[in-house]
Amino acid sequence: MEITVSLFYHLKEKAGVDSLKMQIEDGATIRDIKNTLELQYPALRTHLDNVLILMNQQIVLDEDRIKNKSHIQFLTPVGGG
């Protein structure tokens, strides 16, 4: 399956890319994508633990399975006040 992954804010700075295409196996989960990203971009280690993850504009969790042609977005929390 092919998916698109987008990284925002400091995640794209750490990885040096803001968007990439990935080939994944059927049945892959969000956790699998995180593991793959951390292997390809070691600077992301520990930075993907506390992020908001969207798949096709819906919030997902680590155990959710990825659908073919999905757009996965990793967003960091934004503080304010």
PDB file of N, CA and C in Angstrom:
ATOM      1  N   MET A   1       0.844  -1.173   0.000  1.00  0.00           N
ATOM      2  CA  MET A   1       0.000   0.000   0.000  1.00  0.00           C
ATOM      3  C   MET A   1       0.891   1.238   0.000  1.00  0.00           C
ATOM      4  N   GLU A   2       0.377   2.290  -0.583  1.00  0.00           N
ATOM      5  CA  GLU A   2       1.109   3.555  -0.565  1.00  0.00           C
ATOM      6  C   GLU A   2       0.336   4.574   0.258  1.00  0.00           C
ATOM      7  N   ILE A   3       1.074   5.307   1.084  1.00  0.00           N
ATOM      8  CA  ILE A   3       0.472   6.375   1.880  1.00  0.00           C
ATOM      9  C   ILE A   3       1.333   7.630   1.749  1.00  0.00           C
ATOM     10  N   THR A   4       0.760   8.741   2.146  1.00  0.00           N
ATOM     11  CA  THR A   4       1.490  10.001   2.237  1.00  0.00           C
ATOM     12  C   THR A   4       1.561  10.385   3.707  1.00  0.00           C
ATOM     13  N   VAL A   5       2.742  10.794   4.144  1.00  0.00           N
ATOM     14  CA  VAL A   5       2.942  11.219   5.523  1.00  0.00           C
ATOM     15  C   VAL A   5       3.379  12.682   5.506  1.00  0.00           C
ATOM     16  N   SER A   6       2.737  13.500   6.329  1.00  0.00           N
ATOM     17  CA  SER A   6       3.115  14.906   6.479  1.00  0.00           C
ATOM     18  C   SER A   6       3.560  15.154   7.910  1.00  0.00           C
ATOM     19  N   LEU A   7       4.645  15.901   8.037  1.00  0.00           N
ATOM     20  CA  LEU A   7       5.185  16.279   9.345  1.00  0.00           C
ATOM     21  C   LEU A   7       5.083  17.794   9.488  1.00  0.00           C
ATOM     22  N   PHE A   8       4.680  18.253  10.653  1.00  0.00           N
ATOM     23  CA  PHE A   8       4.494  19.682  10.874  1.00  0.00           C
ATOM     24  C   PHE A   8       5.355  20.184  12.027  1.00  0.00           C
ATOM     25  N   TYR A   9       5.561  21.493  12.029  1.00  0.00           N
ATOM     26  CA  TYR A   9       6.266  22.212  13.088  1.00  0.00           C
ATOM     27  C   TYR A   9       7.664  21.641  13.306  1.00  0.00           C
ATOM     28  N   HIS A  10       8.043  21.355  14.528  1.00  0.00           N
ATOM     29  CA  HIS A  10       9.427  20.936  14.774  1.00  0.00           C
ATOM     30  C   HIS A  10       9.720  19.544  14.221  1.00  0.00           C
ATOM     31  N   LEU A  11       8.697  18.742  13.944  1.00  0.00           N
ATOM     32  CA  LEU A  11       8.925  17.407  13.381  1.00  0.00           C
ATOM     33  C   LEU A  11       9.552  17.501  11.992  1.00  0.00           C
ATOM     34  N   LYS A  12       9.069  18.433  11.175  1.00  0.00           N
ATOM     35  CA  LYS A  12       9.651  18.565   9.838  1.00  0.00           C
ATOM     36  C   LYS A  12      11.070  19.119   9.918  1.00  0.00           C
ATOM     37  N   GLU A  13      11.343  19.944  10.912  1.00  0.00           N
ATOM     38  CA  GLU A  13      12.714  20.435  11.097  1.00  0.00           C
ATOM     39  C   GLU A  13      13.649  19.299  11.505  1.00  0.00           C
ATOM     40  N   LYS A  14      13.194  18.442  12.399  1.00  0.00           N
ATOM     41  CA  LYS A  14      14.015  17.312  12.856  1.00  0.00           C
ATOM     42  C   LYS A  14      14.288  16.328  11.718  1.00  0.00           C
ATOM     43  N   ALA A  15      13.273  16.055  10.895  1.00  0.00           N
ATOM     44  CA  ALA A  15      13.415  15.069   9.817  1.00  0.00           C
ATOM     45  C   ALA A  15      14.062  15.670   8.570  1.00  0.00           C
ATOM     46  N   GLY A  16      13.927  16.976   8.399  1.00  0.00           N
ATOM     47  CA  GLY A  16      14.455  17.611   7.195  1.00  0.00           C
ATOM     48  C   GLY A  16      13.535  17.466   5.985  1.00  0.00           C
ATOM     49  N   VAL A  17      12.341  16.955   6.210  1.00  0.00           N
ATOM     50  CA  VAL A  17      11.322  16.837   5.152  1.00  0.00           C
ATOM     51  C   VAL A  17       9.967  17.163   5.758  1.00  0.00           C
ATOM     52  N   ASP A  18       9.064  17.633   4.927  1.00  0.00           N
ATOM     53  CA  ASP A  18       7.723  17.903   5.454  1.00  0.00           C
ATOM     54  C   ASP A  18       6.683  16.918   4.938  1.00  0.00           C
ATOM     55  N   SER A  19       7.009  16.196   3.865  1.00  0.00           N
ATOM     56  CA  SER A  19       6.063  15.238   3.308  1.00  0.00           C
ATOM     57  C   SER A  19       6.834  14.134   2.603  1.00  0.00           C
ATOM     58  N   LEU A  20       6.318  12.909   2.695  1.00  0.00           N
ATOM     59  CA  LEU A  20       6.948  11.793   2.016  1.00  0.00           C
ATOM     60  C   LEU A  20       5.927  10.725   1.682  1.00  0.00           C
ATOM     61  N   LYS A  21       6.228   9.962   0.653  1.00  0.00           N
ATOM     62  CA  LYS A  21       5.415   8.805   0.271  1.00  0.00           C
ATOM     63  C   LYS A  21       6.073   7.576   0.881  1.00  0.00           C
ATOM     64  N   MET A  22       5.261   6.655   1.370  1.00  0.00           N
ATOM     65  CA  MET A  22       5.774   5.425   1.970  1.00  0.00           C
ATOM     66  C   MET A  22       5.007   4.238   1.419  1.00  0.00           C
ATOM     67  N   GLN A  23       5.720   3.144   1.241  1.00  0.00           N
ATOM     68  CA  GLN A  23       5.102   1.862   0.916  1.00  0.00           C
ATOM     69  C   GLN A  23       5.012   1.078   2.217  1.00  0.00           C
ATOM     70  N   ILE A  24       3.818   0.612   2.556  1.00  0.00           N
ATOM     71  CA  ILE A  24       3.626  -0.147   3.788  1.00  0.00           C
ATOM     72  C   ILE A  24       2.903  -1.446   3.485  1.00  0.00           C
ATOM     73  N   GLU A  25       2.992  -2.375   4.396  1.00  0.00           N
ATOM     74  CA  GLU A  25       2.320  -3.663   4.219  1.00  0.00           C
ATOM     75  C   GLU A  25       0.866  -3.564   4.658  1.00  0.00           C
ATOM     76  N   ASP A  26       0.034  -4.408   4.066  1.00  0.00           N
ATOM     77  CA  ASP A  26      -1.366  -4.498   4.494  1.00  0.00           C
ATOM     78  C   ASP A  26      -1.402  -4.816   5.981  1.00  0.00           C
ATOM     79  N   GLY A  27      -2.298  -4.182   6.694  1.00  0.00           N
ATOM     80  CA  GLY A  27      -2.440  -4.436   8.123  1.00  0.00           C
ATOM     81  C   GLY A  27      -1.530  -3.599   8.994  1.00  0.00           C
ATOM     82  N   ALA A  28      -0.725  -2.720   8.389  1.00  0.00           N
ATOM     83  CA  ALA A  28       0.171  -1.867   9.182  1.00  0.00           C
ATOM     84  C   ALA A  28      -0.646  -0.919  10.056  1.00  0.00           C
ATOM     85  N   THR A  29      -0.073  -0.577  11.199  1.00  0.00           N
ATOM     86  CA  THR A  29      -0.725   0.329  12.144  1.00  0.00           C
ATOM     87  C   THR A  29       0.031   1.658  12.209  1.00  0.00           C
ATOM     88  N   ILE A  30      -0.570   2.598  12.887  1.00  0.00           N
ATOM     89  CA  ILE A  30       0.088   3.885  13.113  1.00  0.00           C
ATOM     90  C   ILE A  30       1.407   3.670  13.856  1.00  0.00           C
ATOM     91  N   ARG A  31       1.428   2.770  14.819  1.00  0.00           N
ATOM     92  CA  ARG A  31       2.663   2.455  15.556  1.00  0.00           C
ATOM     93  C   ARG A  31       3.752   1.991  14.591  1.00  0.00           C
ATOM     94  N   ASP A  32       3.394   1.166  13.598  1.00  0.00           N
ATOM     95  CA  ASP A  32       4.358   0.707  12.596  1.00  0.00           C
ATOM     96  C   ASP A  32       4.953   1.892  11.827  1.00  0.00           C
ATOM     97  N   ILE A  33       4.115   2.848  11.481  1.00  0.00           N
ATOM     98  CA  ILE A  33       4.595   4.035  10.766  1.00  0.00           C
ATOM     99  C   ILE A  33       5.547   4.837  11.646  1.00  0.00           C
ATOM    100  N   LYS A  34       5.185   5.007  12.902  1.00  0.00           N
ATOM    101  CA  LYS A  34       6.080   5.718  13.832  1.00  0.00           C
ATOM    102  C   LYS A  34       7.440   5.028  13.906  1.00  0.00           C
ATOM    103  N   ASN A  35       7.437   3.713  14.036  1.00  0.00           N
ATOM    104  CA  ASN A  35       8.694   2.961  14.117  1.00  0.00           C
ATOM    105  C   ASN A  35       9.528   3.149  12.853  1.00  0.00           C
ATOM    106  N   THR A  36       8.882   3.084  11.707  1.00  0.00           N
ATOM    107  CA  THR A  36       9.584   3.258  10.438  1.00  0.00           C
ATOM    108  C   THR A  36      10.176   4.661  10.329  1.00  0.00           C
ATOM    109  N   LEU A  37       9.386   5.665  10.699  1.00  0.00           N
ATOM    110  CA  LEU A  37       9.885   7.045  10.647  1.00  0.00           C
ATOM    111  C   LEU A  37      11.080   7.238  11.575  1.00  0.00           C
ATOM    112  N   GLU A  38      11.029   6.654  12.768  1.00  0.00           N
ATOM    113  CA  GLU A  38      12.133   6.794  13.716  1.00  0.00           C
ATOM    114  C   GLU A  38      13.395   6.095  13.217  1.00  0.00           C
ATOM    115  N   LEU A  39      13.238   5.007  12.458  1.00  0.00           N
ATOM    116  CA  LEU A  39      14.402   4.334  11.869  1.00  0.00           C
ATOM    117  C   LEU A  39      14.989   5.156  10.721  1.00  0.00           C
ATOM    118  N   GLN A  40      14.131   5.712   9.875  1.00  0.00           N
ATOM    119  CA  GLN A  40      14.595   6.499   8.732  1.00  0.00           C
ATOM    120  C   GLN A  40      15.116   7.870   9.135  1.00  0.00           C
ATOM    121  N   TYR A  41      14.540   8.427  10.189  1.00  0.00           N
ATOM    122  CA  TYR A  41      14.894   9.770  10.658  1.00  0.00           C
ATOM    123  C   TYR A  41      15.144   9.708  12.162  1.00  0.00           C
ATOM    124  N   PRO A  42      16.341   9.262  12.571  1.00  0.00           N
ATOM    125  CA  PRO A  42      16.633   9.081  13.999  1.00  0.00           C
ATOM    126  C   PRO A  42      16.384  10.323  14.863  1.00  0.00           C
ATOM    127  N   ALA A  43      16.441  11.494  14.286  1.00  0.00           N
ATOM    128  CA  ALA A  43      16.191  12.722  15.052  1.00  0.00           C
ATOM    129  C   ALA A  43      14.746  12.806  15.542  1.00  0.00           C
ATOM    130  N   LEU A  44      13.871  11.987  14.982  1.00  0.00           N
ATOM    131  CA  LEU A  44      12.471  11.988  15.415  1.00  0.00           C
ATOM    132  C   LEU A  44      12.223  11.136  16.656  1.00  0.00           C
ATOM    133  N   ARG A  45      13.208  10.328  17.045  1.00  0.00           N
ATOM    134  CA  ARG A  45      13.007   9.461  18.213  1.00  0.00           C
ATOM    135  C   ARG A  45      12.549  10.288  19.399  1.00  0.00           C
ATOM    136  N   THR A  46      11.605   9.793  20.094  1.00  0.00           N
ATOM    137  CA  THR A  46      10.938  10.386  21.257  1.00  0.00           C
ATOM    138  C   THR A  46      10.041  11.573  20.897  1.00  0.00           C
ATOM    139  N   HIS A  47      10.164  12.134  19.701  1.00  0.00           N
ATOM    140  CA  HIS A  47       9.330  13.281  19.329  1.00  0.00           C
ATOM    141  C   HIS A  47       7.971  12.856  18.799  1.00  0.00           C
ATOM    142  N   LEU A  48       7.802  11.577  18.483  1.00  0.00           N
ATOM    143  CA  LEU A  48       6.525  11.112  17.949  1.00  0.00           C
ATOM    144  C   LEU A  48       5.620  10.529  19.030  1.00  0.00           C
ATOM    145  N   ASP A  49       6.057  10.616  20.282  1.00  0.00           N
ATOM    146  CA  ASP A  49       5.276  10.032  21.371  1.00  0.00           C
ATOM    147  C   ASP A  49       4.069  10.878  21.773  1.00  0.00           C
ATOM    148  N   ASN A  50       4.225  12.175  21.793  1.00  0.00           N
ATOM    149  CA  ASN A  50       3.148  13.051  22.259  1.00  0.00           C
ATOM    150  C   ASN A  50       2.695  13.984  21.150  1.00  0.00           C
ATOM    151  N   VAL A  51       2.194  13.386  20.078  1.00  0.00           N
ATOM    152  CA  VAL A  51       1.726  14.178  18.955  1.00  0.00           C
ATOM    153  C   VAL A  51       0.286  13.796  18.625  1.00  0.00           C
ATOM    154  N   LEU A  52      -0.379  14.676  17.935  1.00  0.00           N
ATOM    155  CA  LEU A  52      -1.717  14.406  17.423  1.00  0.00           C
ATOM    156  C   LEU A  52      -1.531  13.807  16.032  1.00  0.00           C
ATOM    157  N   ILE A  53      -2.189  12.683  15.778  1.00  0.00           N
ATOM    158  CA  ILE A  53      -2.047  12.006  14.499  1.00  0.00           C
ATOM    159  C   ILE A  53      -3.410  11.939  13.826  1.00  0.00           C
ATOM    160  N   LEU A  54      -3.433  12.381  12.585  1.00  0.00           N
ATOM    161  CA  LEU A  54      -4.658  12.340  11.792  1.00  0.00           C
ATOM    162  C   LEU A  54      -4.457  11.401  10.612  1.00  0.00           C
ATOM    163  N   MET A  55      -5.485  10.621  10.304  1.00  0.00           N
ATOM    164  CA  MET A  55      -5.507   9.823   9.082  1.00  0.00           C
ATOM    165  C   MET A  55      -6.732  10.265   8.309  1.00  0.00           C
ATOM    166  N   ASN A  56      -6.488  10.834   7.146  1.00  0.00           N
ATOM    167  CA  ASN A  56      -7.587  11.352   6.323  1.00  0.00           C
ATOM    168  C   ASN A  56      -8.471  12.300   7.132  1.00  0.00           C
ATOM    169  N   GLN A  57      -7.819  13.161   7.889  1.00  0.00           N
ATOM    170  CA  GLN A  57      -8.440  14.228   8.681  1.00  0.00           C
ATOM    171  C   GLN A  57      -9.259  13.747   9.869  1.00  0.00           C
ATOM    172  N   GLN A  58      -8.999  12.516  10.325  1.00  0.00           N
ATOM    173  CA  GLN A  58      -9.645  12.007  11.538  1.00  0.00           C
ATOM    174  C   GLN A  58      -8.565  11.575  12.522  1.00  0.00           C
ATOM    175  N   ILE A  59      -8.763  11.883  13.796  1.00  0.00           N
ATOM    176  CA  ILE A  59      -7.793  11.521  14.825  1.00  0.00           C
ATOM    177  C   ILE A  59      -7.701  10.007  14.935  1.00  0.00           C
ATOM    178  N   VAL A  60      -6.454   9.505  15.008  1.00  0.00           N
ATOM    179  CA  VAL A  60      -6.218   8.069  15.144  1.00  0.00           C
ATOM    180  C   VAL A  60      -5.255   7.800  16.290  1.00  0.00           C
ATOM    181  N   LEU A  61      -5.226   6.538  16.717  1.00  0.00           N
ATOM    182  CA  LEU A  61      -4.358   6.077  17.794  1.00  0.00           C
ATOM    183  C   LEU A  61      -3.324   5.104  17.241  1.00  0.00           C
ATOM    184  N   ASP A  62      -2.314   4.795  18.037  1.00  0.00           N
ATOM    185  CA  ASP A  62      -1.230   3.911  17.609  1.00  0.00           C
ATOM    186  C   ASP A  62      -1.709   2.567  17.076  1.00  0.00           C
ATOM    187  N   GLU A  63      -2.770   2.024  17.645  1.00  0.00           N
ATOM    188  CA  GLU A  63      -3.215   0.686  17.253  1.00  0.00           C
ATOM    189  C   GLU A  63      -4.132   0.675  16.015  1.00  0.00           C
ATOM    190  N   ASP A  64      -4.498   1.847  15.518  1.00  0.00           N
ATOM    191  CA  ASP A  64      -5.384   1.899  14.347  1.00  0.00           C
ATOM    192  C   ASP A  64      -4.657   1.425  13.088  1.00  0.00           C
ATOM    193  N   ARG A  65      -5.368   0.657  12.276  1.00  0.00           N
ATOM    194  CA  ARG A  65      -4.818   0.142  11.020  1.00  0.00           C
ATOM    195  C   ARG A  65      -4.923   1.215   9.930  1.00  0.00           C
ATOM    196  N   ILE A  66      -3.936   1.224   9.083  1.00  0.00           N
ATOM    197  CA  ILE A  66      -3.865   2.225   8.026  1.00  0.00           C
ATOM    198  C   ILE A  66      -4.556   1.705   6.774  1.00  0.00           C
ATOM    199  N   LYS A  67      -5.269   2.607   6.127  1.00  0.00           N
ATOM    200  CA  LYS A  67      -5.967   2.281   4.890  1.00  0.00           C
ATOM    201  C   LYS A  67      -5.110   2.709   3.696  1.00  0.00           C
ATOM    202  N   ASN A  68      -5.246   1.989   2.597  1.00  0.00           N
ATOM    203  CA  ASN A  68      -4.506   2.308   1.379  1.00  0.00           C
ATOM    204  C   ASN A  68      -4.803   3.734   0.920  1.00  0.00           C
ATOM    205  N   LYS A  69      -3.779   4.394   0.428  1.00  0.00           N
ATOM    206  CA  LYS A  69      -3.867   5.766  -0.102  1.00  0.00           C
ATOM    207  C   LYS A  69      -4.188   6.804   0.963  1.00  0.00           C
ATOM    208  N   SER A  70      -3.957   6.474   2.230  1.00  0.00           N
ATOM    209  CA  SER A  70      -4.257   7.410   3.314  1.00  0.00           C
ATOM    210  C   SER A  70      -3.236   8.541   3.366  1.00  0.00           C
ATOM    211  N   HIS A  71      -3.672   9.644   3.943  1.00  0.00           N
ATOM    212  CA  HIS A  71      -2.798  10.767   4.249  1.00  0.00           C
ATOM    213  C   HIS A  71      -2.676  10.835   5.768  1.00  0.00           C
ATOM    214  N   ILE A  72      -1.483  10.566   6.278  1.00  0.00           N
ATOM    215  CA  ILE A  72      -1.223  10.568   7.710  1.00  0.00           C
ATOM    216  C   ILE A  72      -0.497  11.861   8.058  1.00  0.00           C
ATOM    217  N   GLN A  73      -1.013  12.578   9.045  1.00  0.00           N
ATOM    218  CA  GLN A  73      -0.409  13.847   9.459  1.00  0.00           C
ATOM    219  C   GLN A  73       0.000  13.768  10.929  1.00  0.00           C
ATOM    220  N   PHE A  74       1.220  14.193  11.199  1.00  0.00           N
ATOM    221  CA  PHE A  74       1.746  14.247  12.560  1.00  0.00           C
ATOM    222  C   PHE A  74       1.828  15.712  12.968  1.00  0.00           C
ATOM    223  N   LEU A  75       1.031  16.081  13.973  1.00  0.00           N
ATOM    224  CA  LEU A  75       0.946  17.466  14.438  1.00  0.00           C
ATOM    225  C   LEU A  75       1.433  17.536  15.885  1.00  0.00           C
ATOM    226  N   THR A  76       2.262  18.499  16.182  1.00  0.00           N
ATOM    227  CA  THR A  76       2.716  18.651  17.563  1.00  0.00           C
ATOM    228  C   THR A  76       1.724  19.532  18.316  1.00  0.00           C
ATOM    229  N   PRO A  77       1.631  19.316  19.635  1.00  0.00           N
ATOM    230  CA  PRO A  77       0.723  20.152  20.435  1.00  0.00           C
ATOM    231  C   PRO A  77       1.157  21.623  20.370  1.00  0.00           C
ATOM    232  N   VAL A  78       0.181  22.476  20.349  1.00  0.00           N
ATOM    233  CA  VAL A  78       0.455  23.908  20.313  1.00  0.00           C
ATOM    234  C   VAL A  78      -0.010  24.494  21.628  1.00  0.00           C
ATOM    235  N   GLY A  79       0.886  25.188  22.323  1.00  0.00           N
ATOM    236  CA  GLY A  79       0.525  25.811  23.597  1.00  0.00           C
ATOM    237  C   GLY A  79       0.069  27.247  23.372  1.00  0.00           C
ATOM    238  N   GLY A  80      -0.551  27.752  24.330  1.00  0.00           N
ATOM    239  CA  GLY A  80      -0.996  29.137  24.232  1.00  0.00           C
ATOM    240  C   GLY A  80      -1.600  29.587  25.548  1.00  0.00           C
ATOM    241  N   GLY A  81      -1.986  30.789  25.570  1.00  0.00           N
ATOM    242  CA  GLY A  81      -2.617  31.188  26.808  1.00  0.00           C
ATOM    243  C   GLY A  81      -2.670  32.610  27.029  1.00  0.00           C
TER     244      GLY A  81
END
